[in-house]
C-alpha atoms as a PDB file:
ATOM      1  CA  MET A   1       0.743 -89.635  -2.202  1.00  0.00           C
ATOM      2  CA  LYS A   2       2.479 -92.798  -0.980  1.00  0.00           C
ATOM      3  CA  LYS A   3      -0.328 -94.946  -2.366  1.00  0.00           C
ATOM      4  CA  GLN A   4       0.050 -93.321  -5.783  1.00  0.00           C
ATOM      5  CA  ARG A   5       3.789 -94.007  -5.811  1.00  0.00           C
ATOM      6  CA  LYS A   6       3.116 -97.641  -4.932  1.00  0.00           C
ATOM      7  CA  TYR A   7       0.628 -97.822  -7.812  1.00  0.00           C
ATOM      8  CA  PHE A   8       3.167 -96.449 -10.291  1.00  0.00           C
ATOM      9  CA  ALA A   9       5.800 -98.901  -9.073  1.00  0.00           C
ATOM     10  CA  TYR A  10       3.288-101.720  -9.568  1.00  0.00           C
ATOM     11  CA  MET A  11       2.441-100.566 -13.103  1.00  0.00           C
ATOM     12  CA  ASN A  12       6.154-100.289 -13.899  1.00  0.00           C
ATOM     13  CA  TYR A  13       6.672-103.869 -12.699  1.00  0.00           C
ATOM     14  CA  ILE A  14       3.774-105.072 -14.839  1.00  0.00           C
ATOM     15  CA  ALA A  15       5.192-103.289 -17.910  1.00  0.00           C
ATOM     16  CA  ILE A  16       8.651-104.800 -17.424  1.00  0.00           C
ATOM     17  CA  PHE A  17       7.197-108.257 -16.807  1.00  0.00           C
ATOM     18  CA  ALA A  18       4.965-108.040 -19.893  1.00  0.00           C
ATOM     19  CA  THR A  19       7.764-106.935 -22.220  1.00  0.00           C
ATOM     20  CA  SER A  20      10.195-109.572 -20.944  1.00  0.00           C
ATOM     21  CA  ASN A  21       7.580-112.289 -21.375  1.00  0.00           C
ATOM     22  CA  ARG A  22       6.011-111.060 -24.621  1.00  0.00           C
ATOM     23  CA  GLU A  23       6.931-114.236 -26.512  1.00  0.00           C
ATOM     24  CA  PHE A  24       5.377-116.339 -23.775  1.00  0.00           C
ATOM     25  CA  PHE A  25       2.138-114.341 -23.853  1.00  0.00           C
ATOM     26  CA  GLU A  26       1.994-114.490 -27.654  1.00  0.00           C
ATOM     27  CA  ALA A  27       2.429-118.255 -27.593  1.00  0.00           C
ATOM     28  CA  LEU A  28      -0.331-118.474 -24.999  1.00  0.00           C
ATOM     29  CA  GLN A  29      -2.666-116.373 -27.169  1.00  0.00           C
ATOM     30  CA  ASN A  30      -1.882-118.505 -30.207  1.00  0.00           C
ATOM     31  CA  LYS A  31      -2.807-121.629 -28.246  1.00  0.00           C
ATOM     32  CA  GLU A  32      -6.087-120.016 -27.193  1.00  0.00           C
ATOM     33  CA  ARG A  33      -6.843-119.100 -30.812  1.00  0.00           C
ATOM     34  CA  GLU A  34      -6.123-122.641 -32.007  1.00  0.00           C
ATOM     35  CA  ARG A  35      -8.352-124.122 -29.309  1.00  0.00           C
ATOM     36  CA  ASN A  36     -11.162-121.687 -30.168  1.00  0.00           C
ATOM     37  CA  SER A  37     -10.935-122.507 -33.877  1.00  0.00           C
ATOM     38  CA  LEU A  38     -11.106-126.224 -33.060  1.00  0.00           C
ATOM     39  CA  VAL A  39     -14.255-125.712 -30.986  1.00  0.00           C
ATOM     40  CA  SER A  40     -16.120-123.592 -33.543  1.00  0.00           C
END
């Protein structure tokens, strides 16, 4: 039971981190897309 609670806390942290850094992740994905289009 304790392990499950730890897992949920971890997932909650990930969700908060992802939403607060959404712009950063989107910019990162855009850079990846640009690099891929340059290669192909």
